[in-house]
Amino acid sequence: MQNRKVPSFKPLKISAEQLPASMVRQARISDYATERAQLLFGSYRTGDANDANTYVAAIAATLARFPAGVITAVTHPSGLATKYSWLPSVKEVFDTCQETVEPIKQNEARLKRIAEQMEARDREDRGVKPTMAQLKARFGERWGLPVPGNIKTPDEKAEENAAALERERARVRTEYEQIGMKAPSKWALSPTALREMAERDSFKDNA
């Protein structure tokens, strides 16, 4: 039997130019994060980590989730190295990154609001009215109003009012029955209400 020749496969090589821009940016961030994680590790005594390679890889993966400016700030000798006397854990690195990125996010949101306001003023000066889509994007579907927890339809409100009225009539009938009388009509006031009204009238007469 003749042996078939097994085809050999060449590894696929992809240049950076063939990758999407987002993947290229992430690859660069990952490389930079690894470099800065090594710098951070070098700021401490090497004996503090059980496995230096594993530690650097874990810290690099955590740092790569944040912008380059945040990575630089937290791994700078004036950053984490001055905050912790021992090698910081992955969670401590993540928490510090979160604390560092929050003011950046707030500033970006502020700049975005300013840009939107300036754009709106420019449109107003040019006599261009914003579209409905632009208004909804700015103020939301409910135009900035809070979403009510439960909106009743007119029929539901009518049923609710009718039920409340019937409960009040039942209470009045019960009061009359307790004193051995029958309610004069379905619109009659309760004996308690009549007594209170009489007391108020008497107080006014004597005043």
Protein backbone atom coordinates (compact mmCIF):
# COMPACT_ATOMS: atom_id res chain seq x y z
CA MET A 1 0.00 0.00 0.00
CA GLN A 2 1.38 3.35 -0.98
CA ASN A 3 1.56 5.86 1.87
CA ARG A 4 -0.26 9.08 1.21
CA LYS A 5 1.74 12.20 1.74
CA VAL A 6 0.34 14.28 4.54
CA PRO A 7 0.11 17.90 3.43
CA SER A 8 2.00 20.37 5.54
CA PHE A 9 0.33 23.56 6.72
CA LYS A 10 2.10 26.84 6.91
CA PRO A 11 1.23 29.14 9.80
CA LEU A 12 -1.05 31.97 8.80
CA LYS A 13 0.69 35.29 9.05
CA ILE A 14 -1.35 38.46 9.30
CA SER A 15 0.27 41.84 9.29
CA ALA A 16 -0.94 44.73 11.42
CA GLU A 17 -2.20 46.44 8.25
CA GLN A 18 -4.64 43.54 7.65
CA LEU A 19 -6.23 43.78 11.11
CA PRO A 20 -9.19 46.02 11.94
CA ALA A 21 -8.21 49.32 13.53
CA SER A 22 -9.89 48.38 16.82
CA MET A 23 -7.84 45.18 17.08
CA VAL A 24 -4.64 47.07 16.32
CA ARG A 25 -5.42 49.59 19.07
CA GLN A 26 -6.18 46.83 21.55
CA ALA A 27 -2.97 45.00 20.67
CA ARG A 28 -0.99 48.17 21.28
CA ILE A 29 -2.77 48.76 24.58
CA SER A 30 -2.03 45.16 25.63
CA ASP A 31 1.66 45.56 24.78
CA TYR A 32 1.81 48.82 26.68
CA ALA A 33 -0.03 47.29 29.65
CA THR A 34 2.49 44.45 29.79
CA GLU A 35 5.37 46.90 29.70
CA ARG A 36 3.87 48.97 32.51
CA ALA A 37 3.00 45.87 34.57
CA GLN A 38 6.67 44.89 34.43
CA LEU A 39 7.58 48.40 35.56
CA LEU A 40 5.13 48.12 38.45
CA PHE A 41 6.52 44.71 39.41
CA GLY A 42 10.03 46.14 39.38
CA SER A 43 8.99 48.79 41.92
CA TYR A 44 8.61 46.07 44.58
CA ARG A 45 10.79 43.35 45.99
CA THR A 46 10.74 40.42 43.59
CA GLY A 47 10.17 37.94 46.41
CA ASP A 48 6.68 39.31 47.07
CA ALA A 49 5.18 37.31 44.18
CA ASN A 50 4.98 33.52 44.02
CA ASP A 51 5.15 33.52 40.23
CA ALA A 52 6.42 36.71 38.62
CA ASN A 53 5.26 35.81 35.10
CA THR A 54 1.74 34.95 36.24
CA TYR A 55 1.52 38.13 38.30
CA VAL A 56 2.69 40.37 35.46
CA ALA A 57 0.29 38.67 33.02
CA ALA A 58 -2.68 39.10 35.38
CA ILE A 59 -1.87 42.76 36.08
CA ALA A 60 -1.31 43.45 32.37
CA ALA A 61 -4.70 41.93 31.50
CA THR A 62 -6.33 44.16 34.12
CA LEU A 63 -4.54 47.30 32.97
CA ALA A 64 -5.41 46.63 29.31
CA ARG A 65 -9.09 47.24 30.11
CA PHE A 66 -8.38 50.94 30.67
CA PRO A 67 -7.09 53.84 28.53
CA ALA A 68 -3.36 54.38 28.17
CA GLY A 69 -3.47 57.50 30.35
CA VAL A 70 -4.91 55.51 33.24
CA ILE A 71 -2.32 52.76 32.78
CA THR A 72 0.47 55.32 32.91
CA ALA A 73 -0.92 57.03 36.02
CA VAL A 74 -1.44 53.93 38.15
CA THR A 75 1.87 52.26 37.23
CA HIS A 76 3.94 55.42 37.64
CA PRO A 77 6.29 55.34 40.67
CA SER A 78 4.04 58.00 42.22
CA GLY A 79 0.94 55.84 41.70
CA LEU A 80 0.33 52.37 43.13
CA ALA A 81 3.90 52.07 44.38
CA THR A 82 3.28 54.89 46.88
CA LYS A 83 -0.13 53.51 47.88
CA TYR A 84 0.79 49.92 48.74
CA SER A 85 3.86 48.67 50.60
CA TRP A 86 3.41 45.16 49.14
CA LEU A 87 2.62 44.01 45.65
CA PRO A 88 -0.99 45.09 44.99
CA SER A 89 -3.51 42.38 44.16
CA VAL A 90 -5.40 42.28 40.88
CA LYS A 91 -8.46 43.71 42.65
CA GLU A 92 -6.45 46.56 44.15
CA VAL A 93 -5.04 47.41 40.72
CA PHE A 94 -8.55 47.28 39.19
CA ASP A 95 -10.04 49.47 41.95
CA THR A 96 -7.27 52.04 41.55
CA CYS A 97 -7.82 52.11 37.79
CA GLN A 98 -11.54 52.66 38.36
CA GLU A 99 -10.83 55.54 40.74
CA THR A 100 -8.44 57.07 38.20
CA VAL A 101 -10.71 56.72 35.17
CA GLU A 102 -13.84 58.13 36.85
CA PRO A 103 -12.74 61.82 36.75
CA ILE A 104 -11.70 61.29 33.12
CA LYS A 105 -15.17 59.97 32.25
CA GLN A 106 -16.83 62.88 34.05
CA ASN A 107 -14.66 65.37 32.20
CA GLU A 108 -15.42 63.71 28.86
CA ALA A 109 -19.15 63.86 29.64
CA ARG A 110 -18.81 67.55 30.56
CA LEU A 111 -16.97 68.32 27.32
CA LYS A 112 -19.64 66.44 25.39
CA ARG A 113 -22.40 68.49 27.01
CA ILE A 114 -20.54 71.71 26.23
CA ALA A 115 -20.10 70.65 22.59
CA GLU A 116 -23.80 69.80 22.32
CA GLN A 117 -24.79 73.16 23.82
CA MET A 118 -22.49 75.05 21.46
CA GLU A 119 -23.85 73.11 18.50
CA ALA A 120 -27.43 73.85 19.59
CA ARG A 121 -26.65 77.57 19.91
CA ASP A 122 -25.01 77.58 16.52
CA ARG A 123 -28.08 75.94 14.95
CA GLU A 124 -30.33 78.46 16.72
CA ASP A 125 -28.24 81.38 15.45
CA ARG A 126 -28.54 80.00 11.92
CA GLY A 127 -32.28 79.50 12.34
CA VAL A 128 -32.01 75.72 12.11
CA LYS A 129 -34.44 73.89 14.36
CA PRO A 130 -33.37 70.56 15.89
CA THR A 131 -34.99 67.43 14.51
CA MET A 132 -37.22 65.19 16.58
CA ALA A 133 -34.48 62.54 16.66
CA GLN A 134 -31.97 65.07 18.02
CA LEU A 135 -34.40 66.23 20.70
CA LYS A 136 -35.11 62.67 21.81
CA ALA A 137 -31.39 61.87 21.83
CA ARG A 138 -30.82 64.86 24.12
CA PHE A 139 -33.83 64.67 26.43
CA GLY A 140 -34.93 61.03 26.12
CA GLU A 141 -38.21 59.46 25.07
CA ARG A 142 -40.10 61.13 27.94
CA TRP A 143 -38.39 64.53 27.53
CA GLY A 144 -36.60 64.28 30.85
CA LEU A 145 -39.73 63.41 32.84
CA PRO A 146 -39.50 60.51 35.33
CA VAL A 147 -41.15 57.25 34.37
CA PRO A 148 -44.21 56.73 36.59
CA GLY A 149 -44.44 53.44 38.38
CA ASN A 150 -48.03 52.71 37.39
CA ILE A 151 -50.20 54.66 34.95
CA LYS A 152 -53.93 53.91 35.27
CA THR A 153 -56.27 54.22 32.35
CA PRO A 154 -59.45 56.36 32.72
CA ASP A 155 -61.54 53.18 33.03
CA GLU A 156 -59.25 51.83 35.77
CA LYS A 157 -59.48 55.13 37.65
CA ALA A 158 -63.30 55.10 37.34
CA GLU A 159 -63.44 51.55 38.72
CA GLU A 160 -61.13 52.51 41.57
CA ASN A 161 -63.29 55.54 42.48
CA ALA A 162 -66.49 53.47 42.30
CA ALA A 163 -65.00 50.85 44.60
CA ALA A 164 -63.92 53.54 47.10
CA LEU A 165 -67.44 55.07 47.02
CA GLU A 166 -69.06 51.68 47.66
CA ARG A 167 -66.75 51.06 50.62
CA GLU A 168 -67.75 54.41 52.11
CA ARG A 169 -71.47 53.66 51.64
CA ALA A 170 -71.01 50.27 53.31
CA ARG A 171 -69.29 51.95 56.26
CA VAL A 172 -72.19 54.44 56.62
CA ARG A 173 -74.80 51.65 56.49
CA THR A 174 -72.87 49.74 59.16
CA GLU A 175 -72.90 52.79 61.47
CA TYR A 176 -76.67 53.15 61.11
CA GLU A 177 -77.21 49.44 61.72
CA GLN A 178 -75.15 49.64 64.92
CA ILE A 179 -77.58 52.22 66.34
CA GLY A 180 -80.64 50.29 65.12
CA MET A 181 -81.49 52.57 62.21
CA LYS A 182 -81.58 52.41 58.44
CA ALA A 183 -79.62 54.86 56.32
CA PRO A 184 -82.04 57.53 54.98
CA SER A 185 -80.53 57.30 51.48
CA LYS A 186 -77.47 56.03 49.69
CA TRP A 187 -76.02 59.56 49.88
CA ALA A 188 -76.65 59.95 53.62
CA LEU A 189 -73.86 61.09 55.89
CA SER A 190 -72.79 58.77 58.68
CA PRO A 191 -74.08 59.38 62.25
CA THR A 192 -70.51 60.21 63.28
CA ALA A 193 -70.24 62.88 60.59
CA LEU A 194 -73.63 64.34 61.52
CA ARG A 195 -72.66 64.46 65.22
CA GLU A 196 -69.38 66.24 64.45
CA MET A 197 -71.17 68.78 62.26
CA ALA A 198 -73.70 69.46 65.03
CA GLU A 199 -70.91 69.94 67.56
CA ARG A 200 -69.15 72.43 65.28
CA ASP A 201 -72.41 74.34 64.72
CA SER A 202 -73.02 74.43 68.46
CA PHE A 203 -69.54 75.70 69.12
CA LYS A 204 -70.03 78.51 66.55
CA ASP A 205 -73.37 79.50 68.14
CA ASN A 206 -71.85 79.70 71.60
CA ALA A 207 -68.76 81.62 70.45
